[in-house]
Amino acid sequence: MLFDSNSISKLDRFYRSNLINSITGFKSLNLLGTLDPKGISNLAIFSQVFHVGADPALAGILFRPNPGSLHSLSNIENTGFFTLNHILPEFISKAHWTSAKWEISEFEGVGLTEEYIGDFKAPFVKESEIKIGLTFEEKHHLKINGTTLVIGRINVIQIPDNVLSGDGFVNLQSAKSVAGIGLDGYFFENQITRFSYAKAETPPKVI
């Protein structure tokens, strides 16, 4: 198959959505936890999460202009706190279910457990192995498609000792963290290898 910009624009919108969402490859997958100003919890599955910088420790997340994601965005803006929680194979179906339109907290609706760490003012997912607590730093509106980019500062990390190596590398295979493809594909991939820092004068070595 060969698509150009003209043929892409003429595709059925569901076909096009699946194609463009999956063609860019594997994505990190997280459950985003927030509280509204009244203290009611919200949980939503997100695949648009990415590393922004390590010093300061920052992560970015894209919010699409739909009612579900706007609840999470509104909560972040109003409270300043949110969490990212890795998804495990054991509760993939529950994580996917959070994308439904719930009249109650998604935690209660799908059967996942709220957990609070210290005085951090957003709920974590107790069942997750890797949990990240962030505070709201910046918001940027992207005119090209109406999405919103939020930058958060990482303030809390909870991670099992056995998945964290001596050099800070997180072994997501050992953590059983699930990756996503497209809108509804879930994968648990094996690590191939790690390489040493790349230098032009020497081929990289497996570490």
Protein backbone atom coordinates (compact mmCIF):
# COMPACT_ATOMS: atom_id res chain seq x y z
CA MET A 1 0.00 0.00 0.00
CA LEU A 2 1.13 3.54 -0.74
CA PHE A 3 -0.73 6.55 0.64
CA ASP A 4 -0.15 10.19 -0.23
CA SER A 5 -1.64 13.23 1.55
CA ASN A 6 -4.60 13.31 -0.82
CA SER A 7 -5.50 9.64 -0.40
CA ILE A 8 -5.03 9.86 3.38
CA SER A 9 -7.49 12.74 3.59
CA LYS A 10 -10.10 10.70 1.67
CA LEU A 11 -9.93 7.60 3.89
CA ASP A 12 -12.88 6.60 6.05
CA ARG A 13 -12.36 8.50 9.32
CA PHE A 14 -12.25 5.36 11.50
CA TYR A 15 -9.79 3.66 9.13
CA ARG A 16 -7.67 6.83 9.03
CA SER A 17 -7.74 7.16 12.81
CA ASN A 18 -6.54 3.56 13.27
CA LEU A 19 -3.88 3.93 10.58
CA ILE A 20 -2.35 7.18 11.84
CA ASN A 21 -2.59 6.19 15.49
CA SER A 22 -0.79 2.89 14.98
CA ILE A 23 1.73 3.71 12.23
CA THR A 24 3.90 5.77 14.60
CA GLY A 25 4.70 2.67 16.66
CA PHE A 26 4.59 1.58 20.27
CA LYS A 27 3.48 4.16 22.85
CA SER A 28 3.85 4.41 26.59
CA LEU A 29 0.58 3.61 28.30
CA ASN A 30 -0.62 5.12 31.56
CA LEU A 31 -3.66 5.57 33.72
CA LEU A 32 -3.94 9.26 34.61
CA GLY A 33 -5.37 9.92 38.06
CA THR A 34 -6.85 13.24 39.19
CA LEU A 35 -9.24 14.76 41.71
CA ASP A 36 -11.84 17.38 40.91
CA PRO A 37 -12.19 20.43 43.21
CA LYS A 38 -14.85 18.53 45.22
CA GLY A 39 -12.46 15.64 45.84
CA ILE A 40 -14.08 13.16 43.43
CA SER A 41 -11.50 10.96 41.71
CA ASN A 42 -11.10 10.50 37.97
CA LEU A 43 -9.10 7.87 36.09
CA ALA A 44 -8.42 7.86 32.34
CA ILE A 45 -6.21 5.83 30.02
CA PHE A 46 -3.64 7.84 28.03
CA SER A 47 -1.07 6.89 25.40
CA GLN A 48 0.12 10.43 24.63
CA VAL A 49 2.69 10.65 27.43
CA PHE A 50 6.35 11.40 26.79
CA HIS A 51 9.65 12.43 28.36
CA VAL A 52 10.37 16.19 28.21
CA GLY A 53 13.51 16.53 30.33
CA ALA A 54 15.43 15.11 33.27
CA ASP A 55 16.71 18.29 34.95
CA PRO A 56 14.19 19.41 35.97
CA ALA A 57 12.29 16.14 35.75
CA LEU A 58 9.44 16.80 33.31
CA ALA A 59 6.87 14.79 31.39
CA GLY A 60 4.41 15.91 28.73
CA ILE A 61 0.93 14.72 27.92
CA LEU A 62 -1.37 15.57 25.01
CA PHE A 63 -5.07 16.07 25.62
CA ARG A 64 -7.40 15.63 22.68
CA PRO A 65 -10.49 17.88 22.38
CA ASN A 66 -13.07 15.39 23.62
CA PRO A 67 -15.22 15.42 26.79
CA GLY A 68 -13.45 12.50 28.46
CA SER A 69 -9.95 13.95 28.34
CA LEU A 70 -11.22 17.44 29.16
CA HIS A 71 -12.37 16.21 32.59
CA SER A 72 -8.81 15.19 33.40
CA LEU A 73 -7.41 18.44 31.98
CA SER A 74 -9.85 20.53 34.00
CA ASN A 75 -8.93 18.66 37.18
CA ILE A 76 -5.21 19.23 36.57
CA GLU A 77 -5.74 22.95 35.99
CA ASN A 78 -7.95 23.32 39.05
CA THR A 79 -5.90 21.28 41.53
CA GLY A 80 -2.38 21.33 40.04
CA PHE A 81 -1.79 17.61 40.65
CA PHE A 82 -2.01 14.40 38.62
CA THR A 83 -0.56 10.89 38.55
CA LEU A 84 0.63 8.50 35.85
CA ASN A 85 0.36 4.79 36.59
CA HIS A 86 1.77 1.98 34.45
CA ILE A 87 -0.67 -0.67 33.27
CA LEU A 88 -0.07 -4.38 33.93
CA PRO A 89 -1.37 -7.35 31.90
CA GLU A 90 -3.58 -8.33 34.85
CA PHE A 91 -5.81 -5.27 34.53
CA ILE A 92 -5.64 -4.27 30.85
CA SER A 93 -9.40 -4.72 30.40
CA LYS A 94 -10.13 -2.51 33.42
CA ALA A 95 -7.72 0.13 32.15
CA HIS A 96 -9.39 0.13 28.73
CA TRP A 97 -12.80 0.33 30.41
CA THR A 98 -11.92 3.69 31.96
CA SER A 99 -12.46 5.22 28.50
CA ALA A 100 -16.23 4.66 28.86
CA LYS A 101 -18.51 7.51 29.93
CA TRP A 102 -18.91 6.94 33.66
CA GLU A 103 -21.28 8.86 35.95
CA ILE A 104 -19.22 7.72 38.95
CA SER A 105 -15.48 7.60 39.60
CA GLU A 106 -13.74 5.34 37.11
CA PHE A 107 -11.87 3.76 40.03
CA GLU A 108 -15.18 2.54 41.42
CA GLY A 109 -16.67 1.78 38.02
CA VAL A 110 -13.93 -0.53 36.75
CA GLY A 111 -12.80 -1.91 40.11
CA LEU A 112 -9.35 -0.36 40.58
CA THR A 113 -8.13 0.95 43.92
CA GLU A 114 -7.32 4.55 44.82
CA GLU A 115 -4.05 4.97 46.69
CA TYR A 116 -2.55 8.13 48.19
CA ILE A 117 1.18 8.55 48.81
CA GLY A 118 2.13 11.00 51.56
CA ASP A 119 0.36 14.32 51.13
CA PHE A 120 0.30 14.18 47.32
CA LYS A 121 -3.09 15.51 46.25
CA ALA A 122 -4.00 13.11 43.45
CA PRO A 123 -4.87 9.39 43.48
CA PHE A 124 -2.48 6.68 42.37
CA VAL A 125 -3.57 3.23 41.17
CA LYS A 126 -2.71 0.76 43.92
CA GLU A 127 -2.50 -2.15 41.47
CA SER A 128 0.21 -0.44 39.38
CA GLU A 129 3.88 -1.29 39.90
CA ILE A 130 5.30 2.03 38.65
CA LYS A 131 3.62 5.24 39.84
CA ILE A 132 4.51 8.86 39.07
CA GLY A 133 3.15 11.97 40.76
CA LEU A 134 3.33 15.26 38.86
CA THR A 135 2.44 18.89 39.41
CA PHE A 136 1.09 21.14 36.68
CA GLU A 137 3.71 23.49 35.15
CA GLU A 138 2.63 24.66 31.68
CA LYS A 139 -0.21 24.38 29.16
CA HIS A 140 0.05 25.01 25.42
CA HIS A 141 -2.80 24.99 22.92
CA LEU A 142 -1.91 23.48 19.53
CA LYS A 143 -3.86 25.38 16.89
CA ILE A 144 -3.29 22.79 14.15
CA ASN A 145 -5.74 20.26 15.65
CA GLY A 146 -7.10 21.70 18.88
CA THR A 147 -5.09 19.49 21.21
CA THR A 148 -3.57 20.73 24.47
CA LEU A 149 -0.04 19.99 25.61
CA VAL A 150 0.46 19.88 29.38
CA ILE A 151 3.90 19.80 30.98
CA GLY A 152 4.15 18.33 34.46
CA ARG A 153 7.02 18.28 36.95
CA ILE A 154 7.74 14.85 38.40
CA ASN A 155 7.62 15.04 42.20
CA VAL A 156 6.96 11.44 43.24
CA ILE A 157 8.21 8.14 41.83
CA GLN A 158 7.30 4.78 43.36
CA ILE A 159 9.01 1.81 41.72
CA PRO A 160 9.89 -1.75 42.81
CA ASP A 161 13.57 -2.21 43.71
CA ASN A 162 13.94 -5.21 41.40
CA VAL A 163 13.14 -3.24 38.22
CA LEU A 164 15.57 -0.39 38.87
CA SER A 165 19.19 -1.00 37.82
CA GLY A 166 22.27 0.54 39.38
CA ASP A 167 22.56 3.18 36.65
CA GLY A 168 18.93 4.29 36.96
CA PHE A 169 17.63 2.30 33.98
CA VAL A 170 14.06 1.06 34.50
CA ASN A 171 13.49 -2.47 33.22
CA LEU A 172 9.92 -2.25 31.97
CA GLN A 173 9.95 -5.93 31.02
CA SER A 174 10.57 -6.91 34.64
CA ALA A 175 7.91 -4.40 35.70
CA LYS A 176 5.47 -5.99 33.22
CA SER A 177 4.48 -2.55 31.95
CA VAL A 178 2.13 -2.74 28.95
CA ALA A 179 2.67 -0.70 25.78
CA GLY A 180 -0.02 0.50 23.40
CA ILE A 181 -0.50 0.68 19.65
CA GLY A 182 -3.26 2.75 18.12
CA LEU A 183 -6.45 3.24 20.11
CA ASP A 184 -7.11 -0.29 21.31
CA GLY A 185 -4.01 -2.47 20.87
CA TYR A 186 -2.05 -3.63 23.93
CA PHE A 187 1.34 -5.32 23.93
CA PHE A 188 3.81 -6.67 26.45
CA GLU A 189 7.15 -6.65 24.66
CA ASN A 190 10.48 -8.27 25.55
CA GLN A 191 13.56 -6.09 25.72
CA ILE A 192 16.02 -6.83 22.91
CA THR A 193 19.17 -5.30 24.38
CA ARG A 194 20.88 -2.20 25.77
CA PHE A 195 23.87 -0.48 24.21
CA SER A 196 26.68 1.64 25.59
CA TYR A 197 26.81 5.40 24.90
CA ALA A 198 27.32 5.92 21.18
CA LYS A 199 30.67 7.37 20.00
CA ALA A 200 31.56 7.90 16.35
CA GLU A 201 34.98 6.30 16.68
CA THR A 202 33.84 3.00 18.27
CA PRO A 203 30.89 0.69 17.57
CA PRO A 204 28.41 0.51 20.46
CA LYS A 205 28.76 -2.41 22.85
CA VAL A 206 25.99 -4.42 24.44
CA ILE A 207 25.71 -3.68 28.17
